[in-house]
Amino acid sequence: MDMADMPDRLLRLDRGSHRPRSGGACAMEAASWLAGERWSDHPRSVHRVIAGVARWVNDEVDDAERQQLWPLILASLGTSRPRRFVLAHRLRRCAWEARASSRGKGPRRVWECVLAEHARLTGHRPAPMPHWRHRPSASPLPPGQSD
């Protein structure tokens, strides 16, 4: 999905967890919303290590920077893999090393590094997502879900 395919009305990204239809979401709740999954901060479509890094980044950055996380959320979709210990270990190590080396550069850099390592190890590239229909309501819903 590119930015042209984004819904007209996005959720506001905030710290912590949120209820569905509240208008707010953490980064991984937004990922579950975009993927059309059940509302959760543990979306099935995102690798568990990437999701953990995303939740940490979401809670570490300020409100203005948090609203700029949408490209990373989109890039995280479709990264889930069957439980492969070696992949999870390498991604955790990458996150740890990136966190240690990016002090002062912001937490977002850690998420970017983990996504790049995942792509290098698996060949994953973000898949194009379907076009969205306009929903003018105050509480956007994932595609295929009605009020």
C-alpha atoms as a PDB file:
ATOM      1  CA  MET A   1       0.000   0.000   0.000  1.00  0.00           C
ATOM      2  CA  ASP A   2       1.329   3.401  -0.799  1.00  0.00           C
ATOM      3  CA  MET A   3       0.163   6.674   0.673  1.00  0.00           C
ATOM      4  CA  ALA A   4      -2.251   7.184  -2.266  1.00  0.00           C
ATOM      5  CA  ASP A   5      -4.089   4.004  -1.178  1.00  0.00           C
ATOM      6  CA  MET A   6      -4.479   5.099   2.444  1.00  0.00           C
ATOM      7  CA  PRO A   7      -7.972   5.596   3.841  1.00  0.00           C
ATOM      8  CA  ASP A   8      -9.182   9.192   3.751  1.00  0.00           C
ATOM      9  CA  ARG A   9      -9.560   9.148   7.510  1.00  0.00           C
ATOM     10  CA  LEU A  10      -6.787   7.610   9.607  1.00  0.00           C
ATOM     11  CA  LEU A  11      -6.841   6.728  13.244  1.00  0.00           C
ATOM     12  CA  ARG A  12      -4.919   9.022  15.559  1.00  0.00           C
ATOM     13  CA  LEU A  13      -1.833   7.211  16.818  1.00  0.00           C
ATOM     14  CA  ASP A  14      -1.490   7.417  20.611  1.00  0.00           C
ATOM     15  CA  ARG A  15       0.424   5.748  23.437  1.00  0.00           C
ATOM     16  CA  GLY A  16      -0.951   2.641  25.096  1.00  0.00           C
ATOM     17  CA  SER A  17      -3.940   0.488  24.176  1.00  0.00           C
ATOM     18  CA  HIS A  18      -7.309   1.634  22.894  1.00  0.00           C
ATOM     19  CA  ARG A  19     -10.830   0.357  22.340  1.00  0.00           C
ATOM     20  CA  PRO A  20     -12.050  -0.272  18.810  1.00  0.00           C
ATOM     21  CA  ARG A  21     -13.880   2.687  17.263  1.00  0.00           C
ATOM     22  CA  SER A  22     -12.403   5.133  19.774  1.00  0.00           C
ATOM     23  CA  GLY A  23     -10.673   6.975  16.927  1.00  0.00           C
ATOM     24  CA  GLY A  24      -7.250   6.303  18.476  1.00  0.00           C
ATOM     25  CA  ALA A  25      -4.817   3.400  18.234  1.00  0.00           C
ATOM     26  CA  CYS A  26      -1.282   2.388  18.975  1.00  0.00           C
ATOM     27  CA  ALA A  27       0.855   1.511  15.960  1.00  0.00           C
ATOM     28  CA  MET A  28       0.074  -2.215  16.109  1.00  0.00           C
ATOM     29  CA  GLU A  29      -3.650  -1.691  16.696  1.00  0.00           C
ATOM     30  CA  ALA A  30      -3.512   0.440  13.539  1.00  0.00           C
ATOM     31  CA  ALA A  31      -1.748  -2.442  11.757  1.00  0.00           C
ATOM     32  CA  SER A  32      -4.508  -4.869  12.763  1.00  0.00           C
ATOM     33  CA  TRP A  33      -7.085  -2.302  11.549  1.00  0.00           C
ATOM     34  CA  LEU A  34      -5.350  -1.850   8.181  1.00  0.00           C
ATOM     35  CA  ALA A  35      -5.008  -5.617   7.729  1.00  0.00           C
ATOM     36  CA  GLY A  36      -8.710  -6.164   8.460  1.00  0.00           C
ATOM     37  CA  GLU A  37      -7.904  -8.301  11.481  1.00  0.00           C
ATOM     38  CA  ARG A  38      -9.551  -8.410  14.890  1.00  0.00           C
ATOM     39  CA  TRP A  39      -8.582  -5.282  16.881  1.00  0.00           C
ATOM     40  CA  SER A  40      -5.362  -6.117  18.714  1.00  0.00           C
ATOM     41  CA  ASP A  41      -1.900  -4.788  19.451  1.00  0.00           C
ATOM     42  CA  HIS A  42      -0.586  -8.248  18.448  1.00  0.00           C
ATOM     43  CA  PRO A  43      -1.643  -8.397  14.774  1.00  0.00           C
ATOM     44  CA  ARG A  44      -1.265 -11.786  13.108  1.00  0.00           C
ATOM     45  CA  SER A  45       0.110 -10.169   9.949  1.00  0.00           C
ATOM     46  CA  VAL A  46       3.162  -8.643  11.708  1.00  0.00           C
ATOM     47  CA  HIS A  47       6.166 -10.682  12.916  1.00  0.00           C
ATOM     48  CA  ARG A  48       6.104 -10.826  16.715  1.00  0.00           C
ATOM     49  CA  VAL A  49       9.574  -9.263  17.108  1.00  0.00           C
ATOM     50  CA  ILE A  50       8.728  -6.417  14.724  1.00  0.00           C
ATOM     51  CA  ALA A  51       5.436  -5.893  16.601  1.00  0.00           C
ATOM     52  CA  GLY A  52       7.300  -5.713  19.917  1.00  0.00           C
ATOM     53  CA  VAL A  53       9.703  -3.112  18.547  1.00  0.00           C
ATOM     54  CA  ALA A  54       6.758  -1.171  17.079  1.00  0.00           C
ATOM     55  CA  ARG A  55       4.935  -1.101  20.418  1.00  0.00           C
ATOM     56  CA  TRP A  56       8.104   0.172  22.130  1.00  0.00           C
ATOM     57  CA  VAL A  57       8.679   2.855  19.488  1.00  0.00           C
ATOM     58  CA  ASN A  58       5.018   3.908  19.616  1.00  0.00           C
ATOM     59  CA  ASP A  59       5.273   4.553  23.356  1.00  0.00           C
ATOM     60  CA  GLU A  60       8.703   6.230  23.208  1.00  0.00           C
ATOM     61  CA  VAL A  61       8.169   8.911  20.561  1.00  0.00           C
ATOM     62  CA  ASP A  62       6.266  12.156  21.025  1.00  0.00           C
ATOM     63  CA  ASP A  63       2.807  12.742  19.561  1.00  0.00           C
ATOM     64  CA  ALA A  64       4.019  14.584  16.459  1.00  0.00           C
ATOM     65  CA  GLU A  65       6.554  11.906  15.525  1.00  0.00           C
ATOM     66  CA  ARG A  66       4.045   9.148  16.287  1.00  0.00           C
ATOM     67  CA  GLN A  67       1.742  10.476  13.538  1.00  0.00           C
ATOM     68  CA  GLN A  68       4.636   9.955  11.099  1.00  0.00           C
ATOM     69  CA  LEU A  69       4.856   6.195  11.827  1.00  0.00           C
ATOM     70  CA  TRP A  70       2.296   5.195   9.167  1.00  0.00           C
ATOM     71  CA  PRO A  71       4.921   4.198   6.542  1.00  0.00           C
ATOM     72  CA  LEU A  72       6.573   1.868   9.087  1.00  0.00           C
ATOM     73  CA  ILE A  73       3.193   0.408  10.047  1.00  0.00           C
ATOM     74  CA  LEU A  74       2.477  -0.302   6.378  1.00  0.00           C
ATOM     75  CA  ALA A  75       5.934  -1.815   5.859  1.00  0.00           C
ATOM     76  CA  SER A  76       5.359  -4.121   8.849  1.00  0.00           C
ATOM     77  CA  LEU A  77       2.224  -5.705   7.361  1.00  0.00           C
ATOM     78  CA  GLY A  78       2.816  -9.164   5.924  1.00  0.00           C
ATOM     79  CA  THR A  79       6.042  -9.806   7.848  1.00  0.00           C
ATOM     80  CA  SER A  80       4.597 -12.616   9.958  1.00  0.00           C
ATOM     81  CA  ARG A  81       6.297 -15.968   9.446  1.00  0.00           C
ATOM     82  CA  PRO A  82       5.821 -19.405  10.946  1.00  0.00           C
ATOM     83  CA  ARG A  83       7.756 -19.641  14.192  1.00  0.00           C
ATOM     84  CA  ARG A  84      11.352 -19.710  13.047  1.00  0.00           C
ATOM     85  CA  PHE A  85      13.648 -19.428  16.027  1.00  0.00           C
ATOM     86  CA  VAL A  86      16.668 -18.287  14.020  1.00  0.00           C
ATOM     87  CA  LEU A  87      14.754 -15.436  12.340  1.00  0.00           C
ATOM     88  CA  ALA A  88      13.284 -14.256  15.658  1.00  0.00           C
ATOM     89  CA  HIS A  89      16.727 -14.446  17.304  1.00  0.00           C
ATOM     90  CA  ARG A  90      18.370 -12.434  14.523  1.00  0.00           C
ATOM     91  CA  LEU A  91      15.648  -9.797  14.590  1.00  0.00           C
ATOM     92  CA  ARG A  92      15.912  -9.456  18.387  1.00  0.00           C
ATOM     93  CA  ARG A  93      19.688  -9.136  18.104  1.00  0.00           C
ATOM     94  CA  CYS A  94      19.284  -6.548  15.351  1.00  0.00           C
ATOM     95  CA  ALA A  95      16.858  -4.566  17.540  1.00  0.00           C
ATOM     96  CA  TRP A  96      19.240  -4.703  20.489  1.00  0.00           C
ATOM     97  CA  GLU A  97      22.226  -3.596  18.377  1.00  0.00           C
ATOM     98  CA  ALA A  98      20.227  -0.855  16.653  1.00  0.00           C
ATOM     99  CA  ARG A  99      18.960   0.427  19.991  1.00  0.00           C
ATOM    100  CA  ALA A 100      22.481   0.504  21.393  1.00  0.00           C
ATOM    101  CA  SER A 101      23.967   2.245  18.342  1.00  0.00           C
ATOM    102  CA  SER A 102      21.146   4.718  17.686  1.00  0.00           C
ATOM    103  CA  ARG A 103      21.165   6.546  21.001  1.00  0.00           C
ATOM    104  CA  GLY A 104      20.209  10.142  20.281  1.00  0.00           C
ATOM    105  CA  LYS A 105      18.869   9.296  16.813  1.00  0.00           C
ATOM    106  CA  GLY A 106      15.407   8.322  18.008  1.00  0.00           C
ATOM    107  CA  PRO A 107      13.610   5.013  18.554  1.00  0.00           C
ATOM    108  CA  ARG A 108      12.131   5.069  15.047  1.00  0.00           C
ATOM    109  CA  ARG A 109      15.570   4.122  13.700  1.00  0.00           C
ATOM    110  CA  VAL A 110      15.388   0.806  15.588  1.00  0.00           C
ATOM    111  CA  TRP A 111      12.115  -0.139  13.856  1.00  0.00           C
ATOM    112  CA  GLU A 112      13.594   0.818  10.471  1.00  0.00           C
ATOM    113  CA  CYS A 113      16.674  -1.359  11.114  1.00  0.00           C
ATOM    114  CA  VAL A 114      14.599  -4.380  12.161  1.00  0.00           C
ATOM    115  CA  LEU A 115      12.411  -4.064   9.048  1.00  0.00           C
ATOM    116  CA  ALA A 116      15.525  -3.836   6.861  1.00  0.00           C
ATOM    117  CA  GLU A 117      17.024  -6.925   8.521  1.00  0.00           C
ATOM    118  CA  HIS A 118      13.751  -8.834   8.084  1.00  0.00           C
ATOM    119  CA  ALA A 119      13.735  -7.916   4.380  1.00  0.00           C
ATOM    120  CA  ARG A 120      17.378  -8.994   4.037  1.00  0.00           C
ATOM    121  CA  LEU A 121      16.773 -12.360   5.730  1.00  0.00           C
ATOM    122  CA  THR A 122      13.429 -13.222   4.132  1.00  0.00           C
ATOM    123  CA  GLY A 123      13.285 -11.239   0.889  1.00  0.00           C
ATOM    124  CA  HIS A 124      10.000  -9.699   2.111  1.00  0.00           C
ATOM    125  CA  ARG A 125       8.902  -6.506   0.444  1.00  0.00           C
ATOM    126  CA  PRO A 126       5.690  -4.769   1.499  1.00  0.00           C
ATOM    127  CA  ALA A 127       2.832  -6.045  -0.643  1.00  0.00           C
ATOM    128  CA  PRO A 128       0.455  -3.655  -2.345  1.00  0.00           C
ATOM    129  CA  MET A 129      -2.809  -3.324  -0.461  1.00  0.00           C
ATOM    130  CA  PRO A 130      -6.275  -2.949  -1.973  1.00  0.00           C
ATOM    131  CA  HIS A 131      -7.740   0.493  -2.549  1.00  0.00           C
ATOM    132  CA  TRP A 132      -9.894   1.833   0.244  1.00  0.00           C
ATOM    133  CA  ARG A 133     -13.368   3.254  -0.019  1.00  0.00           C
ATOM    134  CA  HIS A 134     -14.079   6.593   1.630  1.00  0.00           C
ATOM    135  CA  ARG A 135     -15.588   6.385   5.148  1.00  0.00           C
ATOM    136  CA  PRO A 136     -16.533   9.803   6.473  1.00  0.00           C
ATOM    137  CA  SER A 137     -17.537   8.457   9.893  1.00  0.00           C
ATOM    138  CA  ALA A 138     -15.706   9.483  13.049  1.00  0.00           C
ATOM    139  CA  SER A 139     -14.725   5.865  13.701  1.00  0.00           C
ATOM    140  CA  PRO A 140     -13.075   4.319  10.660  1.00  0.00           C
ATOM    141  CA  LEU A 141     -13.590   0.598  10.206  1.00  0.00           C
ATOM    142  CA  PRO A 142     -11.365  -1.918   8.467  1.00  0.00           C
ATOM    143  CA  PRO A 143     -12.371  -2.992   4.961  1.00  0.00           C
ATOM    144  CA  GLY A 144     -15.174  -5.545   4.950  1.00  0.00           C
ATOM    145  CA  GLN A 145     -16.504  -4.655   8.400  1.00  0.00           C
ATOM    146  CA  SER A 146     -19.767  -2.790   8.721  1.00  0.00           C
ATOM    147  CA  ASP A 147     -21.279  -0.820  11.581  1.00  0.00           C
END
